Amino acid sequence: MSNIIPMKAPQPKKLSRQEFKNHVLKLLETGQVKVTAHLRRDHPERAISFRQIEMCLEKGTVQTDPFLNAYGNWQGEIYRHMAGQELIVVAALEWEEQVIVITAFEP
């Protein structure tokens, strides 16, 4: 008997802010979040923890309309004001696989 490999859904041609947020939440729940080397290596002075990034992704508001970036992934900015701190996380969706955190900063 052969194994059945599930096919991932095709990436949509349009994506609303709410749909972007829903996909981020779905991948966040399963722990499929990757932080780029740009954020970890190039900006240690920002001192933004992974937990802060997770909370921003989970409870933040999508600030920009999602767009397809140069890599063919949906990308958007998520903003959150928490405990006196503002944070913006720029994230991309590698469709149905993971959320890629490109950068995070305080505006």
C-alpha atoms as a PDB file:
ATOM      1  CA  MET A   1       0.000   0.000   0.000  1.00  0.00           C
ATOM      2  CA  SER A   2       1.390   3.390  -0.895  1.00  0.00           C
ATOM      3  CA  ASN A   3       1.447   6.488   1.281  1.00  0.00           C
ATOM      4  CA  ILE A   4      -0.786   9.348   0.279  1.00  0.00           C
ATOM      5  CA  ILE A   5       0.958  12.701   0.346  1.00  0.00           C
ATOM      6  CA  PRO A   6      -1.474  15.574   0.860  1.00  0.00           C
ATOM      7  CA  MET A   7      -1.282  18.307  -1.742  1.00  0.00           C
ATOM      8  CA  LYS A   8      -1.027  21.838  -0.444  1.00  0.00           C
ATOM      9  CA  ALA A   9      -3.642  24.323  -1.574  1.00  0.00           C
ATOM     10  CA  PRO A  10      -2.610  26.615  -4.406  1.00  0.00           C
ATOM     11  CA  GLN A  11      -1.552  30.120  -3.452  1.00  0.00           C
ATOM     12  CA  PRO A  12      -4.341  32.634  -4.142  1.00  0.00           C
ATOM     13  CA  LYS A  13      -3.999  35.485  -6.620  1.00  0.00           C
ATOM     14  CA  LYS A  14      -5.506  37.952  -4.112  1.00  0.00           C
ATOM     15  CA  LEU A  15      -5.246  38.013  -0.323  1.00  0.00           C
ATOM     16  CA  SER A  16      -7.043  40.366   2.051  1.00  0.00           C
ATOM     17  CA  ARG A  17      -5.557  41.615   5.312  1.00  0.00           C
ATOM     18  CA  GLN A  18      -7.831  39.277   7.289  1.00  0.00           C
ATOM     19  CA  GLU A  19      -6.938  36.252   5.152  1.00  0.00           C
ATOM     20  CA  PHE A  20      -3.234  37.069   5.590  1.00  0.00           C
ATOM     21  CA  LYS A  21      -3.725  37.278   9.367  1.00  0.00           C
ATOM     22  CA  ASN A  22      -5.681  33.988   9.424  1.00  0.00           C
ATOM     23  CA  HIS A  23      -2.896  32.157   7.590  1.00  0.00           C
ATOM     24  CA  VAL A  24      -0.270  33.650   9.923  1.00  0.00           C
ATOM     25  CA  LEU A  25      -2.275  32.479  12.963  1.00  0.00           C
ATOM     26  CA  LYS A  26      -2.720  28.979  11.534  1.00  0.00           C
ATOM     27  CA  LEU A  27       1.021  28.579  10.991  1.00  0.00           C
ATOM     28  CA  LEU A  28       1.857  30.238  14.328  1.00  0.00           C
ATOM     29  CA  GLU A  29      -0.322  27.693  16.172  1.00  0.00           C
ATOM     30  CA  THR A  30       1.727  24.835  14.754  1.00  0.00           C
ATOM     31  CA  GLY A  31       5.049  26.559  15.477  1.00  0.00           C
ATOM     32  CA  GLN A  32       5.969  27.054  11.844  1.00  0.00           C
ATOM     33  CA  VAL A  33       7.736  30.409  12.309  1.00  0.00           C
ATOM     34  CA  LYS A  34      11.225  31.186  11.023  1.00  0.00           C
ATOM     35  CA  VAL A  35      13.233  34.316  11.869  1.00  0.00           C
ATOM     36  CA  THR A  36      15.638  35.459   9.153  1.00  0.00           C
ATOM     37  CA  ALA A  37      19.343  35.922   9.728  1.00  0.00           C
ATOM     38  CA  HIS A  38      18.871  39.612   8.911  1.00  0.00           C
ATOM     39  CA  LEU A  39      16.983  40.153  12.156  1.00  0.00           C
ATOM     40  CA  ARG A  40      19.085  37.839  14.342  1.00  0.00           C
ATOM     41  CA  ARG A  41      22.514  38.800  13.028  1.00  0.00           C
ATOM     42  CA  ASP A  42      22.259  42.355  11.737  1.00  0.00           C
ATOM     43  CA  HIS A  43      20.121  43.943  14.442  1.00  0.00           C
ATOM     44  CA  PRO A  44      20.960  42.603  17.917  1.00  0.00           C
ATOM     45  CA  GLU A  45      20.715  46.176  19.246  1.00  0.00           C
ATOM     46  CA  ARG A  46      16.959  46.063  18.798  1.00  0.00           C
ATOM     47  CA  ALA A  47      16.708  43.499  21.620  1.00  0.00           C
ATOM     48  CA  ILE A  48      13.363  42.141  20.424  1.00  0.00           C
ATOM     49  CA  SER A  49      12.614  38.706  21.832  1.00  0.00           C
ATOM     50  CA  PHE A  50      11.018  35.860  19.910  1.00  0.00           C
ATOM     51  CA  ARG A  51       8.103  35.989  22.377  1.00  0.00           C
ATOM     52  CA  GLN A  52       7.481  39.656  21.495  1.00  0.00           C
ATOM     53  CA  ILE A  53       7.458  38.708  17.811  1.00  0.00           C
ATOM     54  CA  GLU A  54       5.016  35.852  18.481  1.00  0.00           C
ATOM     55  CA  MET A  55       2.683  38.132  20.445  1.00  0.00           C
ATOM     56  CA  CYS A  56       2.773  40.742  17.676  1.00  0.00           C
ATOM     57  CA  LEU A  57       1.936  38.108  15.055  1.00  0.00           C
ATOM     58  CA  GLU A  58      -0.843  36.695  17.228  1.00  0.00           C
ATOM     59  CA  LYS A  59      -2.529  39.843  18.530  1.00  0.00           C
ATOM     60  CA  GLY A  60      -1.368  42.557  16.161  1.00  0.00           C
ATOM     61  CA  THR A  61      -3.134  44.297  13.306  1.00  0.00           C
ATOM     62  CA  VAL A  62      -2.135  43.929   9.658  1.00  0.00           C
ATOM     63  CA  GLN A  63      -1.093  47.470   8.685  1.00  0.00           C
ATOM     64  CA  THR A  64      -0.525  47.112   4.953  1.00  0.00           C
ATOM     65  CA  ASP A  65      -2.310  45.226   2.228  1.00  0.00           C
ATOM     66  CA  PRO A  66      -0.449  41.972   1.591  1.00  0.00           C
ATOM     67  CA  PHE A  67       1.535  41.834  -1.635  1.00  0.00           C
ATOM     68  CA  LEU A  68       3.556  39.228  -3.490  1.00  0.00           C
ATOM     69  CA  ASN A  69       7.239  39.897  -2.850  1.00  0.00           C
ATOM     70  CA  ALA A  70      10.187  39.112  -5.140  1.00  0.00           C
ATOM     71  CA  TYR A  71      10.241  35.500  -3.881  1.00  0.00           C
ATOM     72  CA  GLY A  72       6.567  34.909  -4.731  1.00  0.00           C
ATOM     73  CA  ASN A  73       5.467  34.931  -1.082  1.00  0.00           C
ATOM     74  CA  TRP A  74       2.674  37.030   0.402  1.00  0.00           C
ATOM     75  CA  GLN A  75       4.220  39.739   2.610  1.00  0.00           C
ATOM     76  CA  GLY A  76       2.709  42.224   5.046  1.00  0.00           C
ATOM     77  CA  GLU A  77       3.372  44.355   8.126  1.00  0.00           C
ATOM     78  CA  ILE A  78       1.766  43.565  11.469  1.00  0.00           C
ATOM     79  CA  TYR A  79       1.633  46.261  14.179  1.00  0.00           C
ATOM     80  CA  ARG A  80       1.056  45.896  17.911  1.00  0.00           C
ATOM     81  CA  HIS A  81       1.120  48.264  20.849  1.00  0.00           C
ATOM     82  CA  MET A  82       1.884  46.299  24.027  1.00  0.00           C
ATOM     83  CA  ALA A  83       2.963  47.343  27.508  1.00  0.00           C
ATOM     84  CA  GLY A  84       4.019  50.800  26.352  1.00  0.00           C
ATOM     85  CA  GLN A  85       6.005  49.448  23.422  1.00  0.00           C
ATOM     86  CA  GLU A  86       5.098  49.626  19.755  1.00  0.00           C
ATOM     87  CA  LEU A  87       6.349  46.888  17.458  1.00  0.00           C
ATOM     88  CA  ILE A  88       6.106  46.249  13.725  1.00  0.00           C
ATOM     89  CA  VAL A  89       6.868  42.800  12.349  1.00  0.00           C
ATOM     90  CA  VAL A  90       7.370  42.362   8.619  1.00  0.00           C
ATOM     91  CA  ALA A  91       6.414  38.804   7.743  1.00  0.00           C
ATOM     92  CA  ALA A  92       6.038  36.693   4.626  1.00  0.00           C
ATOM     93  CA  LEU A  93       4.001  33.539   4.095  1.00  0.00           C
ATOM     94  CA  GLU A  94       5.779  30.636   2.483  1.00  0.00           C
ATOM     95  CA  TRP A  95       2.398  29.286   1.445  1.00  0.00           C
ATOM     96  CA  GLU A  96       1.056  26.612   3.818  1.00  0.00           C
ATOM     97  CA  GLU A  97       4.594  25.885   5.075  1.00  0.00           C
ATOM     98  CA  GLN A  98       5.845  28.647   7.394  1.00  0.00           C
ATOM     99  CA  VAL A  99       5.773  32.280   8.409  1.00  0.00           C
ATOM    100  CA  ILE A 100       9.084  33.996   7.701  1.00  0.00           C
ATOM    101  CA  VAL A 101       9.808  36.962   9.974  1.00  0.00           C
ATOM    102  CA  ILE A 102      11.870  39.268   7.780  1.00  0.00           C
ATOM    103  CA  THR A 103      12.438  42.010  10.334  1.00  0.00           C
ATOM    104  CA  ALA A 104      10.985  43.596  13.453  1.00  0.00           C
ATOM    105  CA  PHE A 105      11.408  47.127  14.750  1.00  0.00           C
ATOM    106  CA  GLU A 106       9.952  49.828  16.932  1.00  0.00           C
ATOM    107  CA  PRO A 107       8.457  52.636  14.807  1.00  0.00           C
END
